[in-house]
Amino acid sequence: MAAADFTPTPAPVVDIRGLWTVFGHGDQEVVIHRDLDLRVERGEMLSLVGGSGTGKTVLLRQMLGLQQPARGQVTVLGEPAARLGRHGASSRVGMLFQQGALYSAFSVLDNIAFALRELKTLPDDVVDEAAYVKLQMVGLGPQHAHKKPSDLSGGMIKRVALARALIMDPPLLLLDEPTAGLDPHASDEFCDLLRSLHAELGLTLIMVTHDLDTLFALSSRVAVLAGQKVLVSGAPAEVARFDHPFIHDFFQGERGRRAMTPVPAGAD
């Protein structure tokens, strides 16, 4: 009998199985996630959505290894997320925080270079050169390198924070409300930048967002957190049709209908 052809399935970038997140103790115990499963494949752009208190940002922290679940497994890039947390995830997982979280006393260049400089394995001029490359990659010129965060607009802060998240060339990028606080034009530009970097660098993106325009602009898949687990996941238009009160309110309100309506050709 001829041996059957066998093509191994690529390992997921993120594999979460049977996850429980519990805060408090005894009578004060609150269960946020219960038997939650989530698998993210290489190259996906996944959006996590859910109501307040469903643990979206907590899930990002668990992927980074910064917070441990009460039980269950969180595997990131083939190893336990807890190991990433102990040894530093910045070389394999980039994180863009909601408000940028730049160091106010550092220049733009030093903010971008921080993780690479902390390794103390490369000469300063090589580290600076790498930071300049990332600065250019996010659409900012060298004239901004020695500014302080207080000199930057909100959109520029997001770009510098993105450059810092990418300094170690991680294959996985986590984003917490990436377009929060940006005006519509700056938000559209930032989405265009993320889409371009995703294609250019072969990134896997996982983001938490409440912004429907951002969700439809970037997501190849949406996972909805409700009832302490992933209620449904799929393409944005498919998820929007799922029968559930949160999904109806989130996607079928005025903003949701507008985000899902194609813009007519030639419209401004």
Foldseek 3Di string as FASTA:
>chain_A
DDDDDDDDDDAFQKWWFQFWAWDDDDPPIDTLAGGATDTHHFLFAEEEEEDPSNCPVVVVCLQCLNDPTPDTFIAGRHHGNVVCVVVPVLLAEFEQEQQLPFDQVAALLCSLLVVVVVVVPDDPVVSSVLSQVLCVLLPHHPVRRGHGPVVDDSLSSLSSSVSSRCSSPHQEYEYEASCPPHDPVSSVSNLVSVVVCCVVSSHYYYYYHLQLLSCLSGGQKYFYRDPNYGPDMGGPVVQCPDDDVVSCVSQVPPNNVVSPDDDDPPDD
